[in-house]
Amino acid sequence: MAHPEFSCSVSVRHLAEQSDPQTQQYAFAYTVTIRNTGDVTAQLIARHWIVADASNHIDEVRGLAVVGHQPVLKPGEHFEYTSWTRIATPHGTMRGTFMCMTEDAHPFDAPVPEFGLTLASALH
């Protein structure tokens, strides 16, 4: 029995040049690495992100592809991309799901565990 599985990891950095604390705009870049850890070739089709700021304001972002790509990954291959988001507080969180499909059209989800959007200076 084929076992489709993508694992996801994320690194984050604050975008000071895109942020304006006086207007409550804090921008963060996030780099996602998606690795095919299963044993079948599969494609990333769509994404669903849940972005929350410290005031519990939640934005949901859904769409086809990631940065214009729907990568097909063979077992062991990975795809990396960088995108960004903006929230109204110096820290928040993101989590998400990638909707994926095996070569023989079996859908599966690849969860992205929650990660922090944090301004380093906001921790002190």
PDB file of N, CA and C in Angstrom:
ATOM      1  N   MET A   1       0.848  -1.191   0.000  1.00  0.00           N
ATOM      2  CA  MET A   1       0.000   0.000   0.000  1.00  0.00           C
ATOM      3  C   MET A   1       0.889   1.249   0.000  1.00  0.00           C
ATOM      4  N   ALA A   2       0.625   2.130  -0.915  1.00  0.00           N
ATOM      5  CA  ALA A   2       1.403   3.370  -1.011  1.00  0.00           C
ATOM      6  C   ALA A   2       1.136   4.252   0.201  1.00  0.00           C
ATOM      7  N   HIS A   3       2.176   4.951   0.611  1.00  0.00           N
ATOM      8  CA  HIS A   3       2.065   5.817   1.779  1.00  0.00           C
ATOM      9  C   HIS A   3       2.510   7.227   1.404  1.00  0.00           C
ATOM     10  N   PRO A   4       1.538   8.131   1.084  1.00  0.00           N
ATOM     11  CA  PRO A   4       1.916   9.511   0.762  1.00  0.00           C
ATOM     12  C   PRO A   4       2.115  10.320   2.041  1.00  0.00           C
ATOM     13  N   GLU A   5       3.202  11.077   2.092  1.00  0.00           N
ATOM     14  CA  GLU A   5       3.414  11.948   3.255  1.00  0.00           C
ATOM     15  C   GLU A   5       4.405  13.050   2.901  1.00  0.00           C
ATOM     16  N   PHE A   6       4.020  14.276   3.224  1.00  0.00           N
ATOM     17  CA  PHE A   6       4.915  15.423   3.116  1.00  0.00           C
ATOM     18  C   PHE A   6       5.156  15.928   4.531  1.00  0.00           C
ATOM     19  N   SER A   7       6.406  16.245   4.853  1.00  0.00           N
ATOM     20  CA  SER A   7       6.685  16.900   6.130  1.00  0.00           C
ATOM     21  C   SER A   7       7.115  18.336   5.842  1.00  0.00           C
ATOM     22  N   CYS A   8       6.770  19.227   6.741  1.00  0.00           N
ATOM     23  CA  CYS A   8       7.002  20.655   6.518  1.00  0.00           C
ATOM     24  C   CYS A   8       7.752  21.266   7.689  1.00  0.00           C
ATOM     25  N   SER A   9       8.713  22.125   7.377  1.00  0.00           N
ATOM     26  CA  SER A   9       9.404  22.889   8.410  1.00  0.00           C
ATOM     27  C   SER A   9       9.459  24.344   7.972  1.00  0.00           C
ATOM     28  N   VAL A  10       9.566  25.244   8.944  1.00  0.00           N
ATOM     29  CA  VAL A  10       9.472  26.674   8.667  1.00  0.00           C
ATOM     30  C   VAL A  10      10.530  27.439   9.450  1.00  0.00           C
ATOM     31  N   SER A  11      11.138  28.428   8.812  1.00  0.00           N
ATOM     32  CA  SER A  11      11.963  29.396   9.537  1.00  0.00           C
ATOM     33  C   SER A  11      11.383  30.785   9.266  1.00  0.00           C
ATOM     34  N   VAL A  12      11.499  31.659  10.263  1.00  0.00           N
ATOM     35  CA  VAL A  12      10.847  32.973  10.216  1.00  0.00           C
ATOM     36  C   VAL A  12      11.864  34.067  10.485  1.00  0.00           C
ATOM     37  N   ARG A  13      11.674  35.215   9.832  1.00  0.00           N
ATOM     38  CA  ARG A  13      12.466  36.390  10.205  1.00  0.00           C
ATOM     39  C   ARG A  13      11.585  37.634  10.097  1.00  0.00           C
ATOM     40  N   HIS A  14      11.848  38.575  10.983  1.00  0.00           N
ATOM     41  CA  HIS A  14      11.114  39.841  10.997  1.00  0.00           C
ATOM     42  C   HIS A  14      11.611  40.711   9.850  1.00  0.00           C
ATOM     43  N   LEU A  15      10.688  41.367   9.166  1.00  0.00           N
ATOM     44  CA  LEU A  15      11.035  42.282   8.070  1.00  0.00           C
ATOM     45  C   LEU A  15      10.894  43.724   8.572  1.00  0.00           C
ATOM     46  N   ALA A  16      11.964  44.219   9.163  1.00  0.00           N
ATOM     47  CA  ALA A  16      11.906  45.566   9.747  1.00  0.00           C
ATOM     48  C   ALA A  16      11.564  46.620   8.705  1.00  0.00           C
ATOM     49  N   GLU A  17      12.106  46.477   7.484  1.00  0.00           N
ATOM     50  CA  GLU A  17      11.886  47.486   6.445  1.00  0.00           C
ATOM     51  C   GLU A  17      10.440  47.494   5.942  1.00  0.00           C
ATOM     52  N   GLN A  18       9.690  46.419   6.180  1.00  0.00           N
ATOM     53  CA  GLN A  18       8.283  46.349   5.762  1.00  0.00           C
ATOM     54  C   GLN A  18       7.331  46.602   6.927  1.00  0.00           C
ATOM     55  N   SER A  19       7.882  46.893   8.094  1.00  0.00           N
ATOM     56  CA  SER A  19       7.070  47.066   9.298  1.00  0.00           C
ATOM     57  C   SER A  19       6.989  48.531   9.696  1.00  0.00           C
ATOM     58  N   ASP A  20       5.897  48.888  10.361  1.00  0.00           N
ATOM     59  CA  ASP A  20       5.714  50.243  10.877  1.00  0.00           C
ATOM     60  C   ASP A  20       4.958  50.153  12.194  1.00  0.00           C
ATOM     61  N   PRO A  21       5.689  50.060  13.331  1.00  0.00           N
ATOM     62  CA  PRO A  21       5.023  49.920  14.627  1.00  0.00           C
ATOM     63  C   PRO A  21       4.018  51.033  14.920  1.00  0.00           C
ATOM     64  N   GLN A  22       4.260  52.245  14.399  1.00  0.00           N
ATOM     65  CA  GLN A  22       3.345  53.355  14.680  1.00  0.00           C
ATOM     66  C   GLN A  22       1.960  53.127  14.067  1.00  0.00           C
ATOM     67  N   THR A  23       1.885  52.344  12.987  1.00  0.00           N
ATOM     68  CA  THR A  23       0.589  52.036  12.386  1.00  0.00           C
ATOM     69  C   THR A  23       0.200  50.576  12.628  1.00  0.00           C
ATOM     70  N   GLN A  24       0.850  49.944  13.586  1.00  0.00           N
ATOM     71  CA  GLN A  24       0.595  48.559  13.966  1.00  0.00           C
ATOM     72  C   GLN A  24       0.695  47.605  12.772  1.00  0.00           C
ATOM     73  N   GLN A  25       1.798  47.701  12.076  1.00  0.00           N
ATOM     74  CA  GLN A  25       2.074  46.811  10.959  1.00  0.00           C
ATOM     75  C   GLN A  25       3.412  46.124  11.219  1.00  0.00           C
ATOM     76  N   TYR A  26       3.374  44.811  11.411  1.00  0.00           N
ATOM     77  CA  TYR A  26       4.583  44.028  11.669  1.00  0.00           C
ATOM     78  C   TYR A  26       4.670  42.946  10.599  1.00  0.00           C
ATOM     79  N   ALA A  27       5.735  42.985   9.808  1.00  0.00           N
ATOM     80  CA  ALA A  27       5.875  42.067   8.690  1.00  0.00           C
ATOM     81  C   ALA A  27       6.901  40.983   9.003  1.00  0.00           C
ATOM     82  N   PHE A  28       6.601  39.784   8.549  1.00  0.00           N
ATOM     83  CA  PHE A  28       7.472  38.632   8.770  1.00  0.00           C
ATOM     84  C   PHE A  28       7.587  37.824   7.487  1.00  0.00           C
ATOM     85  N   ALA A  29       8.815  37.411   7.181  1.00  0.00           N
ATOM     86  CA  ALA A  29       9.043  36.474   6.081  1.00  0.00           C
ATOM     87  C   ALA A  29       9.114  35.076   6.683  1.00  0.00           C
ATOM     88  N   TYR A  30       8.587  34.109   5.947  1.00  0.00           N
ATOM     89  CA  TYR A  30       8.696  32.721   6.400  1.00  0.00           C
ATOM     90  C   TYR A  30       9.138  31.855   5.221  1.00  0.00           C
ATOM     91  N   THR A  31      10.087  30.995   5.502  1.00  0.00           N
ATOM     92  CA  THR A  31      10.593  30.073   4.489  1.00  0.00           C
ATOM     93  C   THR A  31      10.118  28.674   4.859  1.00  0.00           C
ATOM     94  N   VAL A  32       9.391  28.054   3.946  1.00  0.00           N
ATOM     95  CA  VAL A  32       8.817  26.735   4.171  1.00  0.00           C
ATOM     96  C   VAL A  32       9.586  25.710   3.344  1.00  0.00           C
ATOM     97  N   THR A  33       9.972  24.625   3.988  1.00  0.00           N
ATOM     98  CA  THR A  33      10.569  23.490   3.288  1.00  0.00           C
ATOM     99  C   THR A  33       9.575  22.335   3.363  1.00  0.00           C
ATOM    100  N   ILE A  34       9.180  21.853   2.193  1.00  0.00           N
ATOM    101  CA  ILE A  34       8.234  20.742   2.081  1.00  0.00           C
ATOM    102  C   ILE A  34       9.022  19.554   1.545  1.00  0.00           C
ATOM    103  N   ARG A  35       9.033  18.470   2.301  1.00  0.00           N
ATOM    104  CA  ARG A  35       9.813  17.288   1.917  1.00  0.00           C
ATOM    105  C   ARG A  35       8.869  16.095   1.748  1.00  0.00           C
ATOM    106  N   ASN A  36       9.046  15.370   0.647  1.00  0.00           N
ATOM    107  CA  ASN A  36       8.262  14.158   0.431  1.00  0.00           C
ATOM    108  C   ASN A  36       8.903  13.030   1.230  1.00  0.00           C
ATOM    109  N   THR A  37       8.316  12.718   2.379  1.00  0.00           N
ATOM    110  CA  THR A  37       8.838  11.665   3.245  1.00  0.00           C
ATOM    111  C   THR A  37       8.063  10.364   3.063  1.00  0.00           C
ATOM    112  N   GLY A  38       7.151  10.354   2.094  1.00  0.00           N
ATOM    113  CA  GLY A  38       6.392   9.143   1.798  1.00  0.00           C
ATOM    114  C   GLY A  38       7.118   8.298   0.759  1.00  0.00           C
ATOM    115  N   ASP A  39       6.382   7.351   0.186  1.00  0.00           N
ATOM    116  CA  ASP A  39       7.009   6.458  -0.791  1.00  0.00           C
ATOM    117  C   ASP A  39       6.352   6.540  -2.168  1.00  0.00           C
ATOM    118  N   VAL A  40       5.582   7.616  -2.413  1.00  0.00           N
ATOM    119  CA  VAL A  40       4.971   7.824  -3.724  1.00  0.00           C
ATOM    120  C   VAL A  40       5.159   9.275  -4.151  1.00  0.00           C
ATOM    121  N   THR A  41       5.214   9.486  -5.452  1.00  0.00           N
ATOM    122  CA  THR A  41       5.292  10.837  -6.006  1.00  0.00           C
ATOM    123  C   THR A  41       3.959  11.540  -5.791  1.00  0.00           C
ATOM    124  N   ALA A  42       4.030  12.807  -5.389  1.00  0.00           N
ATOM    125  CA  ALA A  42       2.805  13.564  -5.115  1.00  0.00           C
ATOM    126  C   ALA A  42       3.023  15.040  -5.435  1.00  0.00           C
ATOM    127  N   GLN A  43       1.903  15.750  -5.550  1.00  0.00           N
ATOM    128  CA  GLN A  43       1.939  17.165  -5.924  1.00  0.00           C
ATOM    129  C   GLN A  43       1.232  18.009  -4.877  1.00  0.00           C
ATOM    130  N   LEU A  44       1.830  19.154  -4.575  1.00  0.00           N
ATOM    131  CA  LEU A  44       1.187  20.150  -3.721  1.00  0.00           C
ATOM    132  C   LEU A  44       0.226  20.940  -4.600  1.00  0.00           C
ATOM    133  N   ILE A  45      -1.037  20.983  -4.201  1.00  0.00           N
ATOM    134  CA  ILE A  45      -2.068  21.613  -5.030  1.00  0.00           C
ATOM    135  C   ILE A  45      -2.477  22.981  -4.479  1.00  0.00           C
ATOM    136  N   ALA A  46      -2.720  23.052  -3.168  1.00  0.00           N
ATOM    137  CA  ALA A  46      -3.287  24.270  -2.580  1.00  0.00           C
ATOM    138  C   ALA A  46      -2.806  24.435  -1.151  1.00  0.00           C
ATOM    139  N   ARG A  47      -3.121  25.618  -0.581  1.00  0.00           N
ATOM    140  CA  ARG A  47      -2.686  25.927   0.780  1.00  0.00           C
ATOM    141  C   ARG A  47      -3.833  26.557   1.559  1.00  0.00           C
ATOM    142  N   HIS A  48      -3.751  26.394   2.866  1.00  0.00           N
ATOM    143  CA  HIS A  48      -4.679  27.048   3.787  1.00  0.00           C
ATOM    144  C   HIS A  48      -3.874  27.470   5.006  1.00  0.00           C
ATOM    145  N   TRP A  49      -3.757  28.779   5.229  1.00  0.00           N
ATOM    146  CA  TRP A  49      -3.023  29.311   6.375  1.00  0.00           C
ATOM    147  C   TRP A  49      -3.992  29.934   7.358  1.00  0.00           C
ATOM    148  N   ILE A  50      -3.690  29.803   8.643  1.00  0.00           N
ATOM    149  CA  ILE A  50      -4.409  30.508   9.700  1.00  0.00           C
ATOM    150  C   ILE A  50      -3.377  31.375  10.415  1.00  0.00           C
ATOM    151  N   VAL A  51      -3.551  32.698  10.300  1.00  0.00           N
ATOM    152  CA  VAL A  51      -2.610  33.674  10.861  1.00  0.00           C
ATOM    153  C   VAL A  51      -3.313  34.384  12.014  1.00  0.00           C
ATOM    154  N   ALA A  52      -2.698  34.337  13.194  1.00  0.00           N
ATOM    155  CA  ALA A  52      -3.308  34.976  14.373  1.00  0.00           C
ATOM    156  C   ALA A  52      -2.328  35.959  14.986  1.00  0.00           C
ATOM    157  N   ASP A  53      -2.837  37.141  15.359  1.00  0.00           N
ATOM    158  CA  ASP A  53      -1.972  38.082  16.075  1.00  0.00           C
ATOM    159  C   ASP A  53      -2.239  37.954  17.581  1.00  0.00           C
ATOM    160  N   ALA A  54      -1.547  38.745  18.371  1.00  0.00           N
ATOM    161  CA  ALA A  54      -1.651  38.631  19.828  1.00  0.00           C
ATOM    162  C   ALA A  54      -3.005  39.103  20.357  1.00  0.00           C
ATOM    163  N   SER A  55      -3.778  39.796  19.533  1.00  0.00           N
ATOM    164  CA  SER A  55      -5.122  40.244  19.926  1.00  0.00           C
ATOM    165  C   SER A  55      -6.192  39.232  19.533  1.00  0.00           C
ATOM    166  N   ASN A  56      -5.746  38.056  19.096  1.00  0.00           N
ATOM    167  CA  ASN A  56      -6.645  36.996  18.624  1.00  0.00           C
ATOM    168  C   ASN A  56      -7.403  37.362  17.358  1.00  0.00           C
ATOM    169  N   HIS A  57      -6.869  38.314  16.590  1.00  0.00           N
ATOM    170  CA  HIS A  57      -7.423  38.581  15.264  1.00  0.00           C
ATOM    171  C   HIS A  57      -6.888  37.494  14.339  1.00  0.00           C
ATOM    172  N   ILE A  58      -7.785  36.828  13.622  1.00  0.00           N
ATOM    173  CA  ILE A  58      -7.380  35.709  12.777  1.00  0.00           C
ATOM    174  C   ILE A  58      -7.671  36.017  11.316  1.00  0.00           C
ATOM    175  N   ASP A  59      -6.686  35.779  10.468  1.00  0.00           N
ATOM    176  CA  ASP A  59      -6.857  35.830   9.020  1.00  0.00           C
ATOM    177  C   ASP A  59      -6.664  34.429   8.482  1.00  0.00           C
ATOM    178  N   GLU A  60      -7.550  34.027   7.590  1.00  0.00           N
ATOM    179  CA  GLU A  60      -7.380  32.750   6.905  1.00  0.00           C
ATOM    180  C   GLU A  60      -7.051  33.035   5.456  1.00  0.00           C
ATOM    181  N   VAL A  61      -6.042  32.350   4.955  1.00  0.00           N
ATOM    182  CA  VAL A  61      -5.599  32.536   3.579  1.00  0.00           C
ATOM    183  C   VAL A  61      -5.682  31.186   2.879  1.00  0.00           C
ATOM    184  N   ARG A  62      -6.464  31.138   1.806  1.00  0.00           N
ATOM    185  CA  ARG A  62      -6.598  29.910   1.024  1.00  0.00           C
ATOM    186  C   ARG A  62      -6.265  30.224  -0.420  1.00  0.00           C
ATOM    187  N   GLY A  63      -5.688  29.251  -1.110  1.00  0.00           N
ATOM    188  CA  GLY A  63      -5.433  29.466  -2.521  1.00  0.00           C
ATOM    189  C   GLY A  63      -4.741  28.291  -3.164  1.00  0.00           C
ATOM    190  N   LEU A  64      -4.763  28.290  -4.470  1.00  0.00           N
ATOM    191  CA  LEU A  64      -4.053  27.283  -5.231  1.00  0.00           C
ATOM    192  C   LEU A  64      -2.574  27.617  -5.238  1.00  0.00           C
ATOM    193  N   ALA A  65      -1.758  26.596  -5.196  1.00  0.00           N
ATOM    194  CA  ALA A  65      -0.311  26.729  -5.356  1.00  0.00           C
ATOM    195  C   ALA A  65       0.347  27.471  -4.191  1.00  0.00           C
ATOM    196  N   VAL A  66       1.665  27.520  -4.215  1.00  0.00           N
ATOM    197  CA  VAL A  66       2.472  28.323  -3.293  1.00  0.00           C
ATOM    198  C   VAL A  66       3.429  29.129  -4.158  1.00  0.00           C
ATOM    199  N   VAL A  67       3.443  30.424  -3.979  1.00  0.00           N
ATOM    200  CA  VAL A  67       4.236  31.371  -4.786  1.00  0.00           C
ATOM    201  C   VAL A  67       4.211  30.985  -6.273  1.00  0.00           C
ATOM    202  N   GLY A  68       3.022  30.655  -6.766  1.00  0.00           N
ATOM    203  CA  GLY A  68       2.855  30.361  -8.186  1.00  0.00           C
ATOM    204  C   GLY A  68       3.282  28.967  -8.625  1.00  0.00           C
ATOM    205  N   HIS A  69       3.625  28.103  -7.689  1.00  0.00           N
ATOM    206  CA  HIS A  69       4.091  26.762  -8.033  1.00  0.00           C
ATOM    207  C   HIS A  69       3.193  25.691  -7.431  1.00  0.00           C
ATOM    208  N   GLN A  70       3.051  24.588  -8.157  1.00  0.00           N
ATOM    209  CA  GLN A  70       2.401  23.381  -7.644  1.00  0.00           C
ATOM    210  C   GLN A  70       3.413  22.244  -7.828  1.00  0.00           C
ATOM    211  N   PRO A  71       4.430  22.207  -6.949  1.00  0.00           N
ATOM    212  CA  PRO A  71       5.540  21.279  -7.176  1.00  0.00           C
ATOM    213  C   PRO A  71       5.129  19.807  -7.085  1.00  0.00           C
ATOM    214  N   VAL A  72       5.708  19.023  -7.981  1.00  0.00           N
ATOM    215  CA  VAL A  72       5.577  17.572  -7.943  1.00  0.00           C
ATOM    216  C   VAL A  72       6.868  17.052  -7.313  1.00  0.00           C
ATOM    217  N   LEU A  73       6.714  16.293  -6.217  1.00  0.00           N
ATOM    218  CA  LEU A  73       7.879  15.816  -5.484  1.00  0.00           C
ATOM    219  C   LEU A  73       7.914  14.295  -5.466  1.00  0.00           C
ATOM    220  N   LYS A  74       9.026  13.752  -5.930  1.00  0.00           N
ATOM    221  CA  LYS A  74       9.252  12.314  -5.824  1.00  0.00           C
ATOM    222  C   LYS A  74       9.695  12.010  -4.399  1.00  0.00           C
ATOM    223  N   PRO A  75       9.593  10.748  -3.958  1.00  0.00           N
ATOM    224  CA  PRO A  75      10.051  10.410  -2.607  1.00  0.00           C
ATOM    225  C   PRO A  75      11.477  10.914  -2.371  1.00  0.00           C
ATOM    226  N   GLY A  76      11.671  11.600  -1.247  1.00  0.00           N
ATOM    227  CA  GLY A  76      12.988  12.133  -0.900  1.00  0.00           C
ATOM    228  C   GLY A  76      13.257  13.532  -1.416  1.00  0.00           C
ATOM    229  N   GLU A  77      12.482  14.019  -2.373  1.00  0.00           N
ATOM    230  CA  GLU A  77      12.698  15.370  -2.904  1.00  0.00           C
ATOM    231  C   GLU A  77      12.055  16.408  -1.993  1.00  0.00           C
ATOM    232  N   HIS A  78      12.531  17.669  -2.122  1.00  0.00           N
ATOM    233  CA  HIS A  78      11.934  18.741  -1.341  1.00  0.00           C
ATOM    234  C   HIS A  78      11.770  19.983  -2.205  1.00  0.00           C
ATOM    235  N   PHE A  79      10.923  20.893  -1.727  1.00  0.00           N
ATOM    236  CA  PHE A  79      10.672  22.178  -2.369  1.00  0.00           C
ATOM    237  C   PHE A  79      10.692  23.221  -1.272  1.00  0.00           C
ATOM    238  N   GLU A  80      11.360  24.337  -1.544  1.00  0.00           N
ATOM    239  CA  GLU A  80      11.458  25.402  -0.554  1.00  0.00           C
ATOM    240  C   GLU A  80      10.990  26.698  -1.177  1.00  0.00           C
ATOM    241  N   TYR A  81      10.235  27.489  -0.420  1.00  0.00           N
ATOM    242  CA  TYR A  81       9.826  28.798  -0.910  1.00  0.00           C
ATOM    243  C   TYR A  81       9.746  29.765   0.267  1.00  0.00           C
ATOM    244  N   THR A  82       9.811  31.048  -0.070  1.00  0.00           N
ATOM    245  CA  THR A  82       9.695  32.100   0.935  1.00  0.00           C
ATOM    246  C   THR A  82       8.530  33.007   0.566  1.00  0.00           C
ATOM    247  N   SER A  83       7.735  33.338   1.554  1.00  0.00           N
ATOM    248  CA  SER A  83       6.642  34.281   1.385  1.00  0.00           C
ATOM    249  C   SER A  83       6.641  35.199   2.613  1.00  0.00           C
ATOM    250  N   TRP A  84       5.605  35.999   2.761  1.00  0.00           N
ATOM    251  CA  TRP A  84       5.578  36.887   3.916  1.00  0.00           C
ATOM    252  C   TRP A  84       4.138  37.173   4.316  1.00  0.00           C
ATOM    253  N   THR A  85       3.988  37.698   5.517  1.00  0.00           N
ATOM    254  CA  THR A  85       2.688  38.101   6.030  1.00  0.00           C
ATOM    255  C   THR A  85       2.872  39.318   6.922  1.00  0.00           C
ATOM    256  N   ARG A  86       1.782  39.999   7.205  1.00  0.00           N
ATOM    257  CA  ARG A  86       1.826  41.172   8.075  1.00  0.00           C
ATOM    258  C   ARG A  86       0.722  41.034   9.116  1.00  0.00           C
ATOM    259  N   ILE A  87       1.052  41.328  10.370  1.00  0.00           N
ATOM    260  CA  ILE A  87       0.064  41.298  11.450  1.00  0.00           C
ATOM    261  C   ILE A  87       0.112  42.621  12.212  1.00  0.00           C
ATOM    262  N   ALA A  88      -0.868  42.832  13.099  1.00  0.00           N
ATOM    263  CA  ALA A  88      -1.012  44.130  13.782  1.00  0.00           C
ATOM    264  C   ALA A  88      -0.344  44.174  15.144  1.00  0.00           C
ATOM    265  N   THR A  89       0.312  43.094  15.559  1.00  0.00           N
ATOM    266  CA  THR A  89       0.984  43.063  16.860  1.00  0.00           C
ATOM    267  C   THR A  89       2.416  42.560  16.664  1.00  0.00           C
ATOM    268  N   PRO A  90       3.312  42.802  17.625  1.00  0.00           N
ATOM    269  CA  PRO A  90       4.709  42.390  17.461  1.00  0.00           C
ATOM    270  C   PRO A  90       4.911  40.876  17.469  1.00  0.00           C
ATOM    271  N   HIS A  91       3.887  40.138  17.864  1.00  0.00           N
ATOM    272  CA  HIS A  91       4.011  38.683  17.791  1.00  0.00           C
ATOM    273  C   HIS A  91       2.659  38.040  17.518  1.00  0.00           C
ATOM    274  N   GLY A  92       2.727  36.869  16.934  1.00  0.00           N
ATOM    275  CA  GLY A  92       1.530  36.110  16.594  1.00  0.00           C
ATOM    276  C   GLY A  92       1.954  34.704  16.214  1.00  0.00           C
ATOM    277  N   THR A  93       1.047  33.990  15.577  1.00  0.00           N
ATOM    278  CA  THR A  93       1.346  32.626  15.160  1.00  0.00           C
ATOM    279  C   THR A  93       0.763  32.360  13.779  1.00  0.00           C
ATOM    280  N   MET A  94       1.310  31.335  13.147  1.00  0.00           N
ATOM    281  CA  MET A  94       0.762  30.825  11.894  1.00  0.00           C
ATOM    282  C   MET A  94       0.754  29.312  11.972  1.00  0.00           C
ATOM    283  N   ARG A  95      -0.228  28.721  11.322  1.00  0.00           N
ATOM    284  CA  ARG A  95      -0.237  27.282  11.102  1.00  0.00           C
ATOM    285  C   ARG A  95      -1.003  27.047   9.809  1.00  0.00           C
ATOM    286  N   GLY A  96      -0.867  25.860   9.269  1.00  0.00           N
ATOM    287  CA  GLY A  96      -1.548  25.662   8.005  1.00  0.00           C
ATOM    288  C   GLY A  96      -1.599  24.226   7.562  1.00  0.00           C
ATOM    289  N   THR A  97      -2.125  24.076   6.354  1.00  0.00           N
ATOM    290  CA  THR A  97      -2.249  22.778   5.719  1.00  0.00           C
ATOM    291  C   THR A  97      -2.006  22.945   4.231  1.00  0.00           C
ATOM    292  N   PHE A  98      -1.241  22.030   3.669  1.00  0.00           N
ATOM    293  CA  PHE A  98      -1.109  21.948   2.220  1.00  0.00           C
ATOM    294  C   PHE A  98      -1.984  20.796   1.751  1.00  0.00           C
ATOM    295  N   MET A  99      -2.829  21.064   0.750  1.00  0.00           N
ATOM    296  CA  MET A  99      -3.635  20.020   0.155  1.00  0.00           C
ATOM    297  C   MET A  99      -2.801  19.417  -0.982  1.00  0.00           C
ATOM    298  N   CYS A 100      -2.640  18.110  -0.948  1.00  0.00           N
ATOM    299  CA  CYS A 100      -1.756  17.423  -1.882  1.00  0.00           C
ATOM    300  C   CYS A 100      -2.505  16.286  -2.567  1.00  0.00           C
ATOM    301  N   MET A 101      -1.903  15.775  -3.647  1.00  0.00           N
ATOM    302  CA  MET A 101      -2.522  14.711  -4.419  1.00  0.00           C
ATOM    303  C   MET A 101      -1.428  13.775  -4.922  1.00  0.00           C
ATOM    304  N   THR A 102      -1.668  12.461  -4.765  1.00  0.00           N
ATOM    305  CA  THR A 102      -0.714  11.486  -5.305  1.00  0.00           C
ATOM    306  C   THR A 102      -0.873  11.407  -6.818  1.00  0.00           C
ATOM    307  N   GLU A 103       0.110  10.781  -7.470  1.00  0.00           N
ATOM    308  CA  GLU A 103       0.061  10.615  -8.929  1.00  0.00           C
ATOM    309  C   GLU A 103      -1.217   9.929  -9.391  1.00  0.00           C
ATOM    310  N   ASP A 104      -1.727   9.017  -8.560  1.00  0.00           N
ATOM    311  CA  ASP A 104      -2.948   8.300  -8.949  1.00  0.00           C
ATOM    312  C   ASP A 104      -4.197   8.925  -8.309  1.00  0.00           C
ATOM    313  N   ALA A 105      -4.119  10.239  -8.031  1.00  0.00           N
ATOM    314  CA  ALA A 105      -5.276  11.064  -7.643  1.00  0.00           C
ATOM    315  C   ALA A 105      -5.884  10.727  -6.287  1.00  0.00           C
ATOM    316  N   HIS A 106      -5.056  10.362  -5.315  1.00  0.00           N
ATOM    317  CA  HIS A 106      -5.529  10.204  -3.942  1.00  0.00           C
ATOM    318  C   HIS A 106      -5.136  11.459  -3.156  1.00  0.00           C
ATOM    319  N   PRO A 107      -6.119  12.210  -2.643  1.00  0.00           N
ATOM    320  CA  PRO A 107      -5.796  13.436  -1.902  1.00  0.00           C
ATOM    321  C   PRO A 107      -5.289  13.127  -0.492  1.00  0.00           C
ATOM    322  N   PHE A 108      -4.423  13.992   0.007  1.00  0.00           N
ATOM    323  CA  PHE A 108      -3.980  13.916   1.398  1.00  0.00           C
ATOM    324  C   PHE A 108      -3.553  15.305   1.835  1.00  0.00           C
ATOM    325  N   ASP A 109      -3.551  15.528   3.142  1.00  0.00           N
ATOM    326  CA  ASP A 109      -3.152  16.818   3.694  1.00  0.00           C
ATOM    327  C   ASP A 109      -1.765  16.715   4.311  1.00  0.00           C
ATOM    328  N   ALA A 110      -0.998  17.790   4.193  1.00  0.00           N
ATOM    329  CA  ALA A 110       0.301  17.904   4.851  1.00  0.00           C
ATOM    330  C   ALA A 110       0.201  19.068   5.829  1.00  0.00           C
ATOM    331  N   PRO A 111       0.085  18.788   7.129  1.00  0.00           N
ATOM    332  CA  PRO A 111      -0.052  19.870   8.108  1.00  0.00           C
ATOM    333  C   PRO A 111       1.260  20.621   8.316  1.00  0.00           C
ATOM    334  N   VAL A 112       1.145  21.924   8.547  1.00  0.00           N
ATOM    335  CA  VAL A 112       2.290  22.742   8.931  1.00  0.00           C
ATOM    336  C   VAL A 112       2.066  23.107  10.397  1.00  0.00           C
ATOM    337  N   PRO A 113       2.898  22.571  11.296  1.00  0.00           N
ATOM    338  CA  PRO A 113       2.699  22.861  12.720  1.00  0.00           C
ATOM    339  C   PRO A 113       2.783  24.359  12.993  1.00  0.00           C
ATOM    340  N   GLU A 114       2.103  24.790  14.049  1.00  0.00           N
ATOM    341  CA  GLU A 114       2.103  26.204  14.411  1.00  0.00           C
ATOM    342  C   GLU A 114       3.521  26.700  14.666  1.00  0.00           C
ATOM    343  N   PHE A 115       3.806  27.888  14.152  1.00  0.00           N
ATOM    344  CA  PHE A 115       5.103  28.531  14.389  1.00  0.00           C
ATOM    345  C   PHE A 115       4.861  29.982  14.755  1.00  0.00           C
ATOM    346  N   GLY A 116       5.845  30.560  15.447  1.00  0.00           N
ATOM    347  CA  GLY A 116       5.695  31.910  15.957  1.00  0.00           C
ATOM    348  C   GLY A 116       6.147  32.972  14.980  1.00  0.00           C
ATOM    349  N   LEU A 117       5.423  34.075  14.991  1.00  0.00           N
ATOM    350  CA  LEU A 117       5.824  35.304  14.305  1.00  0.00           C
ATOM    351  C   LEU A 117       6.170  36.258  15.435  1.00  0.00           C
ATOM    352  N   THR A 118       7.464  36.456  15.680  1.00  0.00           N
ATOM    353  CA  THR A 118       7.868  37.190  16.878  1.00  0.00           C
ATOM    354  C   THR A 118       8.958  38.198  16.584  1.00  0.00           C
ATOM    355  N   LEU A 119       8.727  39.402  17.022  1.00  0.00           N
ATOM    356  CA  LEU A 119       9.726  40.456  16.966  1.00  0.00           C
ATOM    357  C   LEU A 119      10.678  40.212  18.118  1.00  0.00           C
ATOM    358  N   ALA A 120      11.935  40.017  17.846  1.00  0.00           N
ATOM    359  CA  ALA A 120      12.897  39.678  18.910  1.00  0.00           C
ATOM    360  C   ALA A 120      12.827  40.667  20.068  1.00  0.00           C
ATOM    361  N   SER A 121      12.720  41.957  19.775  1.00  0.00           N
ATOM    362  CA  SER A 121      12.706  42.966  20.837  1.00  0.00           C
ATOM    363  C   SER A 121      11.439  42.885  21.687  1.00  0.00           C
ATOM    364  N   ALA A 122      10.370  42.245  21.174  1.00  0.00           N
ATOM    365  CA  ALA A 122       9.131  42.153  21.917  1.00  0.00           C
ATOM    366  C   ALA A 122       9.215  41.103  23.025  1.00  0.00           C
ATOM    367  N   LEU A 123      10.253  40.293  23.023  1.00  0.00           N
ATOM    368  CA  LEU A 123      10.395  39.241  24.026  1.00  0.00           C
ATOM    369  C   LEU A 123      11.046  39.749  25.299  1.00  0.00           C
ATOM    370  N   HIS A 124      11.642  40.935  25.256  1.00  0.00           N
ATOM    371  CA  HIS A 124      12.398  41.415  26.419  1.00  0.00           C
ATOM    372  C   HIS A 124      11.590  42.373  27.264  1.00  0.00           C
TER     373      HIS A 124
END
